[in-house]
C-alpha atoms as a PDB file:
ATOM      1  CA  MET A   1      92.520 154.237-145.232  1.00  0.00           C
ATOM      2  CA  GLY A   2      90.797 150.857-145.718  1.00  0.00           C
ATOM      3  CA  ALA A   3      91.219 148.409-142.821  1.00  0.00           C
ATOM      4  CA  TRP A   4      93.424 149.268-139.850  1.00  0.00           C
ATOM      5  CA  GLY A   5      92.650 146.301-137.606  1.00  0.00           C
ATOM      6  CA  PRO A   6      90.957 142.879-137.521  1.00  0.00           C
ATOM      7  CA  GLY A   7      87.726 144.109-135.900  1.00  0.00           C
ATOM      8  CA  ILE A   8      84.476 144.155-137.857  1.00  0.00           C
ATOM      9  CA  TYR A   9      84.376 147.955-137.726  1.00  0.00           C
ATOM     10  CA  GLN A  10      88.080 148.611-138.053  1.00  0.00           C
ATOM     11  CA  ASP A  11      87.468 149.306-141.711  1.00  0.00           C
ATOM     12  CA  ASP A  12      86.294 152.431-143.549  1.00  0.00           C
ATOM     13  CA  VAL A  13      83.707 150.591-145.632  1.00  0.00           C
ATOM     14  CA  ALA A  14      82.273 148.805-142.590  1.00  0.00           C
ATOM     15  CA  LEU A  15      81.926 152.056-140.644  1.00  0.00           C
ATOM     16  CA  ASP A  16      80.312 153.825-143.593  1.00  0.00           C
ATOM     17  CA  VAL A  17      77.814 151.016-144.104  1.00  0.00           C
ATOM     18  CA  LYS A  18      76.889 150.861-140.422  1.00  0.00           C
ATOM     19  CA  ASP A  19      76.453 154.638-140.157  1.00  0.00           C
ATOM     20  CA  GLU A  20      74.451 154.865-143.370  1.00  0.00           C
ATOM     21  CA  TYR A  21      72.109 152.023-142.394  1.00  0.00           C
ATOM     22  CA  ILE A  22      71.366 153.567-138.992  1.00  0.00           C
ATOM     23  CA  GLU A  23      70.952 156.979-140.580  1.00  0.00           C
ATOM     24  CA  LEU A  24      68.383 155.605-143.032  1.00  0.00           C
ATOM     25  CA  LEU A  25      66.408 154.190-140.117  1.00  0.00           C
ATOM     26  CA  ARG A  26      66.636 157.554-138.345  1.00  0.00           C
ATOM     27  CA  LYS A  27      65.163 159.184-141.428  1.00  0.00           C
ATOM     28  CA  GLY A  28      62.063 157.061-140.940  1.00  0.00           C
ATOM     29  CA  LYS A  29      62.777 154.374-143.531  1.00  0.00           C
ATOM     30  CA  THR A  30      61.223 150.974-142.894  1.00  0.00           C
ATOM     31  CA  THR A  31      63.483 147.959-142.442  1.00  0.00           C
ATOM     32  CA  GLU A  32      62.912 146.966-146.068  1.00  0.00           C
ATOM     33  CA  GLU A  33      63.361 150.495-147.419  1.00  0.00           C
ATOM     34  CA  ALA A  34      66.578 151.054-145.471  1.00  0.00           C
ATOM     35  CA  PHE A  35      68.054 147.784-146.726  1.00  0.00           C
ATOM     36  CA  LYS A  36      67.049 148.410-150.347  1.00  0.00           C
ATOM     37  CA  GLU A  37      68.402 151.964-150.371  1.00  0.00           C
ATOM     38  CA  LEU A  38      71.655 150.930-148.688  1.00  0.00           C
ATOM     39  CA  ILE A  39      72.277 148.225-151.308  1.00  0.00           C
ATOM     40  CA  GLU A  40      71.451 150.613-154.158  1.00  0.00           C
ATOM     41  CA  ASN A  41      73.768 153.297-152.769  1.00  0.00           C
ATOM     42  CA  ASN A  42      76.662 150.867-152.261  1.00  0.00           C
ATOM     43  CA  ALA A  43      76.257 148.494-155.202  1.00  0.00           C
ATOM     44  CA  ASP A  44      79.870 149.131-156.251  1.00  0.00           C
ATOM     45  CA  TYR A  45      81.137 147.612-153.000  1.00  0.00           C
ATOM     46  CA  LEU A  46      79.483 144.318-153.854  1.00  0.00           C
ATOM     47  CA  GLU A  47      81.562 143.989-157.026  1.00  0.00           C
ATOM     48  CA  ASP A  48      84.992 143.718-155.348  1.00  0.00           C
ATOM     49  CA  GLU A  49      86.747 142.876-152.080  1.00  0.00           C
ATOM     50  CA  ASP A  50      84.800 145.609-150.267  1.00  0.00           C
ATOM     51  CA  ALA A  51      81.832 143.220-150.264  1.00  0.00           C
ATOM     52  CA  VAL A  52      83.453 141.408-147.303  1.00  0.00           C
ATOM     53  CA  PRO A  53      83.565 144.295-144.788  1.00  0.00           C
ATOM     54  CA  MET A  54      80.259 145.637-146.120  1.00  0.00           C
ATOM     55  CA  LEU A  55      78.277 142.432-145.627  1.00  0.00           C
ATOM     56  CA  LEU A  56      79.863 141.523-142.296  1.00  0.00           C
ATOM     57  CA  ALA A  57      79.149 144.988-140.904  1.00  0.00           C
ATOM     58  CA  LEU A  58      75.630 145.028-142.297  1.00  0.00           C
ATOM     59  CA  ALA A  59      74.853 141.604-140.836  1.00  0.00           C
ATOM     60  CA  ASP A  60      76.176 142.574-137.416  1.00  0.00           C
ATOM     61  CA  THR A  61      74.326 145.917-137.423  1.00  0.00           C
ATOM     62  CA  GLN A  62      71.053 144.394-138.598  1.00  0.00           C
ATOM     63  CA  TRP A  63      71.291 141.684-135.917  1.00  0.00           C
ATOM     64  CA  LYS A  64      71.862 144.263-133.170  1.00  0.00           C
ATOM     65  CA  TYR A  65      68.772 146.165-134.315  1.00  0.00           C
ATOM     66  CA  GLY A  66      66.681 142.999-134.665  1.00  0.00           C
ATOM     67  CA  ARG A  67      66.406 143.459-138.433  1.00  0.00           C
ATOM     68  CA  LEU A  68      68.721 140.795-139.894  1.00  0.00           C
ATOM     69  CA  ASN A  69      67.266 139.437-143.134  1.00  0.00           C
ATOM     70  CA  ASP A  70      67.940 135.975-144.548  1.00  0.00           C
ATOM     71  CA  MET A  71      69.897 137.218-147.554  1.00  0.00           C
ATOM     72  CA  VAL A  72      72.429 139.207-145.545  1.00  0.00           C
ATOM     73  CA  LYS A  73      72.702 136.463-142.939  1.00  0.00           C
ATOM     74  CA  SER A  74      73.418 133.856-145.613  1.00  0.00           C
ATOM     75  CA  ASP A  75      76.012 136.032-147.380  1.00  0.00           C
ATOM     76  CA  ALA A  76      77.806 136.868-144.132  1.00  0.00           C
ATOM     77  CA  LEU A  77      77.946 133.225-143.027  1.00  0.00           C
ATOM     78  CA  ASN A  78      79.266 132.202-146.460  1.00  0.00           C
ATOM     79  CA  ILE A  79      82.060 134.771-146.095  1.00  0.00           C
ATOM     80  CA  ILE A  80      82.975 133.388-142.672  1.00  0.00           C
ATOM     81  CA  ASN A  81      82.688 129.692-143.596  1.00  0.00           C
ATOM     82  CA  SER A  82      84.607 130.050-146.861  1.00  0.00           C
ATOM     83  CA  GLY A  83      87.509 131.923-145.269  1.00  0.00           C
ATOM     84  CA  ALA A  84      86.965 134.976-147.480  1.00  0.00           C
ATOM     85  CA  GLY A  85      86.896 137.150-144.380  1.00  0.00           C
ATOM     86  CA  LEU A  86      90.450 136.077-143.480  1.00  0.00           C
ATOM     87  CA  VAL A  87      92.252 136.731-146.760  1.00  0.00           C
ATOM     88  CA  ALA A  88      93.472 140.209-145.865  1.00  0.00           C
ATOM     89  CA  TRP A  89      95.104 138.892-142.674  1.00  0.00           C
ATOM     90  CA  LYS A  90      96.829 135.724-143.883  1.00  0.00           C
ATOM     91  CA  TYR A  91     100.319 137.264-143.846  1.00  0.00           C
ATOM     92  CA  ASP A  92     100.231 138.162-140.152  1.00  0.00           C
ATOM     93  CA  LYS A  93      99.757 135.160-137.853  1.00  0.00           C
ATOM     94  CA  LYS A  94      98.869 137.234-134.815  1.00  0.00           C
ATOM     95  CA  LEU A  95      96.252 139.314-136.631  1.00  0.00           C
ATOM     96  CA  LEU A  96      94.956 136.246-138.466  1.00  0.00           C
ATOM     97  CA  LYS A  97      94.336 134.513-135.155  1.00  0.00           C
ATOM     98  CA  ARG A  98      92.533 137.560-133.755  1.00  0.00           C
ATOM     99  CA  ARG A  99      90.470 137.947-136.923  1.00  0.00           C
ATOM    100  CA  THR A 100      89.496 134.266-136.798  1.00  0.00           C
ATOM    101  CA  GLU A 101      88.290 134.670-133.225  1.00  0.00           C
ATOM    102  CA  ILE A 102      86.257 137.759-134.123  1.00  0.00           C
ATOM    103  CA  LEU A 103      84.570 136.044-137.077  1.00  0.00           C
ATOM    104  CA  GLU A 104      83.775 132.942-135.025  1.00  0.00           C
ATOM    105  CA  LYS A 105      82.039 135.124-132.462  1.00  0.00           C
ATOM    106  CA  LEU A 106      80.134 136.886-135.237  1.00  0.00           C
ATOM    107  CA  LYS A 107      79.083 133.534-136.686  1.00  0.00           C
ATOM    108  CA  GLU A 108      77.845 132.413-133.299  1.00  0.00           C
ATOM    109  CA  LYS A 109      75.874 135.621-132.950  1.00  0.00           C
ATOM    110  CA  LEU A 110      74.306 135.444-136.413  1.00  0.00           C
ATOM    111  CA  GLU A 111      73.224 131.851-135.875  1.00  0.00           C
ATOM    112  CA  SER A 112      71.569 132.703-132.559  1.00  0.00           C
ATOM    113  CA  PRO A 113      68.085 134.249-132.221  1.00  0.00           C
ATOM    114  CA  GLN A 114      68.343 137.961-132.850  1.00  0.00           C
ATOM    115  CA  PRO A 115      66.852 140.415-130.339  1.00  0.00           C
ATOM    116  CA  GLU A 116      63.463 141.980-130.854  1.00  0.00           C
ATOM    117  CA  GLU A 117      63.389 144.802-133.382  1.00  0.00           C
ATOM    118  CA  LYS A 118      64.914 147.847-131.723  1.00  0.00           C
ATOM    119  CA  LYS A 119      62.997 151.091-132.040  1.00  0.00           C
ATOM    120  CA  VAL A 120      64.981 153.863-133.704  1.00  0.00           C
ATOM    121  CA  SER A 121      64.177 157.478-132.934  1.00  0.00           C
ATOM    122  CA  VAL A 122      63.266 159.211-136.166  1.00  0.00           C
ATOM    123  CA  ARG A 123      65.084 162.493-136.664  1.00  0.00           C
ATOM    124  CA  LYS A 124      62.637 165.310-137.255  1.00  0.00           C
ATOM    125  CA  PHE A 125      63.395 167.918-139.879  1.00  0.00           C
ATOM    126  CA  PHE A 126      64.186 171.298-138.322  1.00  0.00           C
ATOM    127  CA  ASP A 127      63.562 174.631-140.020  1.00  0.00           C
ATOM    128  CA  CYS A 128      64.966 177.564-138.054  1.00  0.00           C
ATOM    129  CA  GLY A 129      62.547 179.886-139.836  1.00  0.00           C
ATOM    130  CA  TRP A 130      65.202 182.331-141.039  1.00  0.00           C
ATOM    131  CA  LYS A 131      64.459 184.018-144.383  1.00  0.00           C
ATOM    132  CA  LYS A 132      66.512 185.774-147.029  1.00  0.00           C
ATOM    133  CA  ASN A 133      67.258 189.379-145.987  1.00  0.00           C
ATOM    134  CA  ASP A 134      66.637 188.659-142.285  1.00  0.00           C
ATOM    135  CA  VAL A 135      69.157 190.500-140.108  1.00  0.00           C
ATOM    136  CA  PHE A 136      70.276 189.380-136.642  1.00  0.00           C
ATOM    137  CA  ALA A 137      72.614 190.855-134.036  1.00  0.00           C
ATOM    138  CA  TYR A 138      74.953 188.683-131.961  1.00  0.00           C
ATOM    139  CA  GLN A 139      76.970 190.311-129.172  1.00  0.00           C
ATOM    140  CA  LEU A 140      80.611 189.319-128.782  1.00  0.00           C
ATOM    141  CA  LYS A 141      81.228 188.030-125.261  1.00  0.00           C
ATOM    142  CA  SER A 142      84.126 185.589-125.589  1.00  0.00           C
ATOM    143  CA  GLU A 143      87.634 185.830-124.188  1.00  0.00           C
ATOM    144  CA  TYR A 144      88.800 185.925-127.788  1.00  0.00           C
ATOM    145  CA  ALA A 145      86.755 189.094-128.384  1.00  0.00           C
ATOM    146  CA  LYS A 146      88.135 190.607-125.192  1.00  0.00           C
ATOM    147  CA  LYS A 147      91.708 189.826-126.235  1.00  0.00           C
ATOM    148  CA  TYR A 148      91.371 191.870-129.421  1.00  0.00           C
ATOM    149  CA  GLY A 149      89.376 194.728-127.954  1.00  0.00           C
ATOM    150  CA  LEU A 150      86.120 193.667-129.589  1.00  0.00           C
ATOM    151  CA  TYR A 151      84.218 192.678-126.440  1.00  0.00           C
ATOM    152  CA  ASP A 152      80.559 193.798-126.422  1.00  0.00           C
ATOM    153  CA  ARG A 153      80.588 194.755-130.083  1.00  0.00           C
ATOM    154  CA  TRP A 154      77.931 193.157-132.282  1.00  0.00           C
ATOM    155  CA  LEU A 155      78.170 190.816-135.218  1.00  0.00           C
ATOM    156  CA  ILE A 156      75.432 191.706-137.658  1.00  0.00           C
ATOM    157  CA  LEU A 157      74.361 188.548-139.509  1.00  0.00           C
ATOM    158  CA  ILE A 158      72.604 189.121-142.829  1.00  0.00           C
ATOM    159  CA  VAL A 159      70.871 186.119-144.404  1.00  0.00           C
ATOM    160  CA  ASP A 160      71.616 185.820-148.126  1.00  0.00           C
ATOM    161  CA  ASP A 161      70.393 182.290-148.879  1.00  0.00           C
ATOM    162  CA  LEU A 162      69.394 178.971-147.301  1.00  0.00           C
ATOM    163  CA  LYS A 163      70.410 175.384-147.879  1.00  0.00           C
ATOM    164  CA  VAL A 164      69.037 172.071-146.682  1.00  0.00           C
ATOM    165  CA  TRP A 165      71.653 169.927-144.966  1.00  0.00           C
ATOM    166  CA  GLU A 166      71.207 166.221-145.774  1.00  0.00           C
ATOM    167  CA  ASP A 167      67.416 166.389-145.278  1.00  0.00           C
ATOM    168  CA  HIS A 168      68.002 167.191-141.582  1.00  0.00           C
ATOM    169  CA  TYR A 169      67.663 170.942-141.237  1.00  0.00           C
ATOM    170  CA  VAL A 170      67.790 174.325-142.938  1.00  0.00           C
ATOM    171  CA  MET A 171      71.171 176.025-142.752  1.00  0.00           C
ATOM    172  CA  PRO A 172      71.358 179.803-143.339  1.00  0.00           C
ATOM    173  CA  ILE A 173      74.023 181.275-145.610  1.00  0.00           C
ATOM    174  CA  VAL A 174      74.992 184.658-144.217  1.00  0.00           C
ATOM    175  CA  ARG A 175      77.347 187.577-144.492  1.00  0.00           C
ATOM    176  CA  ALA A 176      78.601 189.291-141.354  1.00  0.00           C
ATOM    177  CA  LYS A 177      79.377 192.864-140.414  1.00  0.00           C
ATOM    178  CA  ILE A 178      80.784 194.190-137.161  1.00  0.00           C
ATOM    179  CA  THR A 179      79.780 197.292-135.241  1.00  0.00           C
ATOM    180  CA  ASN A 180      82.243 199.966-134.162  1.00  0.00           C
ATOM    181  CA  ASN A 181      80.921 200.004-130.582  1.00  0.00           C
ATOM    182  CA  ASP A 182      78.430 198.266-128.285  1.00  0.00           C
ATOM    183  CA  GLU A 183      75.356 199.830-129.918  1.00  0.00           C
ATOM    184  CA  ILE A 184      73.054 197.888-132.241  1.00  0.00           C
ATOM    185  CA  PRO A 185      72.348 199.624-135.567  1.00  0.00           C
ATOM    186  CA  LYS A 186      68.760 200.851-135.665  1.00  0.00           C
ATOM    187  CA  THR A 187      68.227 201.479-139.371  1.00  0.00           C
ATOM    188  CA  GLU A 188      69.080 199.964-142.732  1.00  0.00           C
ATOM    189  CA  ASP A 189      71.329 202.932-143.451  1.00  0.00           C
ATOM    190  CA  GLU A 190      73.292 202.341-140.249  1.00  0.00           C
ATOM    191  CA  ILE A 191      73.733 198.677-141.220  1.00  0.00           C
ATOM    192  CA  ASN A 192      74.949 199.681-144.688  1.00  0.00           C
ATOM    193  CA  ARG A 193      77.663 201.869-143.192  1.00  0.00           C
ATOM    194  CA  LEU A 194      79.189 198.930-141.323  1.00  0.00           C
ATOM    195  CA  GLU A 195      82.134 196.927-142.673  1.00  0.00           C
ATOM    196  CA  TYR A 196      81.658 193.419-144.067  1.00  0.00           C
ATOM    197  CA  ILE A 197      83.880 190.726-142.586  1.00  0.00           C
ATOM    198  CA  LEU A 198      86.006 189.034-145.224  1.00  0.00           C
ATOM    199  CA  ILE A 199      86.029 185.238-144.889  1.00  0.00           C
ATOM    200  CA  ARG A 200      88.622 184.273-147.484  1.00  0.00           C
ATOM    201  CA  TYR A 201      89.742 184.866-151.066  1.00  0.00           C
ATOM    202  CA  GLU A 202      89.242 182.941-154.280  1.00  0.00           C
ATOM    203  CA  ASN A 203      92.144 183.038-156.738  1.00  0.00           C
ATOM    204  CA  TYR A 204      92.165 182.277-160.448  1.00  0.00           C
ATOM    205  CA  GLU A 205      93.333 178.682-160.065  1.00  0.00           C
ATOM    206  CA  GLY A 206      90.666 177.968-157.478  1.00  0.00           C
ATOM    207  CA  MET A 207      87.916 178.907-159.922  1.00  0.00           C
ATOM    208  CA  PHE A 208      88.680 175.837-162.009  1.00  0.00           C
ATOM    209  CA  ILE A 209      89.411 173.184-159.383  1.00  0.00           C
ATOM    210  CA  PHE A 210      87.154 170.089-159.485  1.00  0.00           C
ATOM    211  CA  PRO A 211      85.274 171.054-162.675  1.00  0.00           C
ATOM    212  CA  LYS A 212      83.554 167.653-162.826  1.00  0.00           C
ATOM    213  CA  ILE A 213      81.649 168.192-159.576  1.00  0.00           C
ATOM    214  CA  ARG A 214      80.784 171.835-160.107  1.00  0.00           C
ATOM    215  CA  SER A 215      77.320 172.810-161.251  1.00  0.00           C
ATOM    216  CA  LYS A 216      76.737 174.320-164.681  1.00  0.00           C
ATOM    217  CA  LYS A 217      75.679 177.535-162.958  1.00  0.00           C
ATOM    218  CA  GLN A 218      78.995 177.737-161.104  1.00  0.00           C
ATOM    219  CA  ILE A 219      81.020 176.960-164.209  1.00  0.00           C
ATOM    220  CA  GLU A 220      79.248 179.641-166.252  1.00  0.00           C
ATOM    221  CA  TYR A 221      79.579 182.167-163.429  1.00  0.00           C
ATOM    222  CA  ASN A 222      83.311 181.455-163.163  1.00  0.00           C
ATOM    223  CA  LYS A 223      83.713 182.140-166.867  1.00  0.00           C
ATOM    224  CA  THR A 224      82.031 185.532-166.500  1.00  0.00           C
ATOM    225  CA  MET A 225      84.272 186.389-163.517  1.00  0.00           C
ATOM    226  CA  ARG A 226      87.510 185.302-165.186  1.00  0.00           C
ATOM    227  CA  ASP A 227      88.540 188.753-166.381  1.00  0.00           C
ATOM    228  CA  LYS A 228      87.663 190.366-163.060  1.00  0.00           C
ATOM    229  CA  ILE A 229      89.755 187.933-161.034  1.00  0.00           C
ATOM    230  CA  LEU A 230      92.675 188.269-163.459  1.00  0.00           C
ATOM    231  CA  GLU A 231      92.459 192.044-163.087  1.00  0.00           C
ATOM    232  CA  LEU A 232      92.374 191.993-159.283  1.00  0.00           C
ATOM    233  CA  GLY A 233      94.415 188.829-158.667  1.00  0.00           C
ATOM    234  CA  LYS A 234      91.827 187.419-156.279  1.00  0.00           C
ATOM    235  CA  LEU A 235      88.222 187.989-155.294  1.00  0.00           C
ATOM    236  CA  PRO A 236      86.825 188.246-151.755  1.00  0.00           C
ATOM    237  CA  ILE A 237      84.364 185.734-150.292  1.00  0.00           C
ATOM    238  CA  TYR A 238      82.048 186.954-147.553  1.00  0.00           C
ATOM    239  CA  ARG A 239      79.389 184.269-147.248  1.00  0.00           C
ATOM    240  CA  PHE A 240      79.460 181.414-144.758  1.00  0.00           C
ATOM    241  CA  THR A 241      76.974 179.027-143.186  1.00  0.00           C
ATOM    242  CA  ILE A 242      75.839 178.656-139.585  1.00  0.00           C
ATOM    243  CA  ASP A 243      74.813 175.299-138.153  1.00  0.00           C
ATOM    244  CA  ASN A 244      71.179 175.882-137.116  1.00  0.00           C
ATOM    245  CA  SER A 245      70.454 172.190-136.596  1.00  0.00           C
ATOM    246  CA  SER A 246      68.105 172.673-133.642  1.00  0.00           C
ATOM    247  CA  LYS A 247      66.334 175.401-131.710  1.00  0.00           C
ATOM    248  CA  ARG A 248      68.355 174.475-128.633  1.00  0.00           C
ATOM    249  CA  ILE A 249      71.739 175.534-130.063  1.00  0.00           C
ATOM    250  CA  ILE A 250      70.649 178.923-131.436  1.00  0.00           C
ATOM    251  CA  PRO A 251      71.667 181.524-128.799  1.00  0.00           C
ATOM    252  CA  LYS A 252      68.735 182.940-126.863  1.00  0.00           C
ATOM    253  CA  THR A 253      70.571 186.265-126.764  1.00  0.00           C
ATOM    254  CA  LEU A 254      70.449 186.553-130.558  1.00  0.00           C
ATOM    255  CA  LYS A 255      68.412 189.640-131.530  1.00  0.00           C
ATOM    256  CA  TYR A 256      66.253 189.863-134.643  1.00  0.00           C
ATOM    257  CA  LEU A 257      66.556 193.301-136.236  1.00  0.00           C
ATOM    258  CA  GLY A 258      64.183 192.876-139.164  1.00  0.00           C
ATOM    259  CA  ASN A 259      64.000 191.942-142.820  1.00  0.00           C
ATOM    260  CA  TYR A 260      65.879 194.460-144.940  1.00  0.00           C
ATOM    261  CA  LYS A 261      65.808 194.251-148.732  1.00  0.00           C
ATOM    262  CA  LYS A 262      68.137 197.151-149.503  1.00  0.00           C
ATOM    263  CA  ILE A 263      71.308 196.056-147.737  1.00  0.00           C
ATOM    264  CA  ARG A 264      74.197 196.923-150.039  1.00  0.00           C
ATOM    265  CA  LEU A 265      76.249 193.955-151.208  1.00  0.00           C
ATOM    266  CA  PRO A 266      80.055 193.937-151.013  1.00  0.00           C
ATOM    267  CA  GLU A 267      81.998 194.900-154.125  1.00  0.00           C
ATOM    268  CA  ASN A 268      83.765 192.390-156.384  1.00  0.00           C
ATOM    269  CA  GLU A 269      82.424 189.482-154.332  1.00  0.00           C
ATOM    270  CA  TYR A 270      82.990 185.928-155.533  1.00  0.00           C
ATOM    271  CA  ILE A 271      79.831 183.837-155.099  1.00  0.00           C
ATOM    272  CA  GLU A 272      79.936 180.098-154.422  1.00  0.00           C
ATOM    273  CA  PHE A 273      76.730 178.748-155.932  1.00  0.00           C
ATOM    274  CA  ASP A 274      77.708 175.155-155.147  1.00  0.00           C
ATOM    275  CA  LYS A 275      76.456 175.339-151.579  1.00  0.00           C
ATOM    276  CA  THR A 276      78.204 172.206-150.336  1.00  0.00           C
ATOM    277  CA  GLY A 277      81.549 173.986-150.581  1.00  0.00           C
ATOM    278  CA  ILE A 278      80.637 177.074-148.564  1.00  0.00           C
ATOM    279  CA  TRP A 279      82.691 177.453-145.398  1.00  0.00           C
ATOM    280  CA  GLY A 280      80.656 176.944-142.229  1.00  0.00           C
ATOM    281  CA  VAL A 281      80.773 177.489-138.478  1.00  0.00           C
ATOM    282  CA  LEU A 282      79.053 176.175-135.372  1.00  0.00           C
ATOM    283  CA  TRP A 283      77.558 178.580-132.860  1.00  0.00           C
ATOM    284  CA  SER A 284      80.060 177.273-130.307  1.00  0.00           C
ATOM    285  CA  THR A 285      82.999 178.394-132.460  1.00  0.00           C
ATOM    286  CA  LEU A 286      81.434 181.331-134.299  1.00  0.00           C
ATOM    287  CA  GLU A 287      83.170 184.101-132.356  1.00  0.00           C
ATOM    288  CA  GLU A 288      86.624 182.594-132.545  1.00  0.00           C
ATOM    289  CA  LEU A 289      86.499 181.608-136.217  1.00  0.00           C
ATOM    290  CA  ILE A 290      84.819 184.752-137.559  1.00  0.00           C
ATOM    291  CA  LEU A 291      87.001 187.065-135.500  1.00  0.00           C
ATOM    292  CA  GLU A 292      90.084 185.204-136.715  1.00  0.00           C
ATOM    293  CA  ARG A 293      89.052 186.176-140.240  1.00  0.00           C
ATOM    294  CA  TYR A 294      88.314 189.729-139.157  1.00  0.00           C
ATOM    295  CA  ILE A 295      91.732 190.108-137.523  1.00  0.00           C
ATOM    296  CA  GLU A 296      93.576 188.507-140.446  1.00  0.00           C
ATOM    297  CA  TYR A 297      91.765 189.987-143.432  1.00  0.00           C
ATOM    298  CA  ASN A 298      90.043 193.189-142.317  1.00  0.00           C
ATOM    299  CA  ILE A 299      92.382 194.645-139.693  1.00  0.00           C
ATOM    300  CA  GLY A 300      95.488 193.092-141.208  1.00  0.00           C
ATOM    301  CA  LYS A 301      94.771 194.045-144.806  1.00  0.00           C
END
């Protein structure tokens, strides 16, 4: 989108830089470490016109947090004094005037004593403790479940894998089944007799989208599955992620059933090894989104 207004943060680059800098501080980086890593991660911006919104946003953010260094301050003031920060607005007199006012206020701020260094709460890494083959039961209590006659049934969540989300927390990758009534399965055999909930399909074309960002493991796996997907037309995907970012958001009503190593896997399943692309849900929307898939793909198939 680029810039959509004359404000310092009415620009995609500026917002990204501000968010990334604060996030680095929240990860426990020192002032120097956060600055160095930010510059290394965004070196490309400094080579073109994106240097203007980047440096202005960084200077403003650092000042607000009491961490403005001399280099950034000097670069930002040079941009303001030279008129480089006005170039994009020179064809619109009204916006140019507003932009000029904004940069003058920023200059005044940067040349004034910055506040004392603001303390930033460091985000602690959270591990929900779930393990591969753990099985949980979640009872359906939403209006959505009631609407489709599924109220009080149980989603059976089977952990297949785990992934770390941006160094913040461990996110489980699960498959889900649904019970036929309001009783929780008591044995591995009873769990195996339940139906998996289909999340979506992968077709032949989808196997080869974005080859440059796919891992070698995914590319090789796709090659081995090529004949199978051509035979069937599409392959089912059952795995999804759940946002377990803190203990607080995991439902207290969730029941742990045990760790079962002989749960049968679904047939002809397509596996997404590139974990960043796996479809995910929040606990707040789990019932609605998973049941939408169940109604569309399982009941409607």
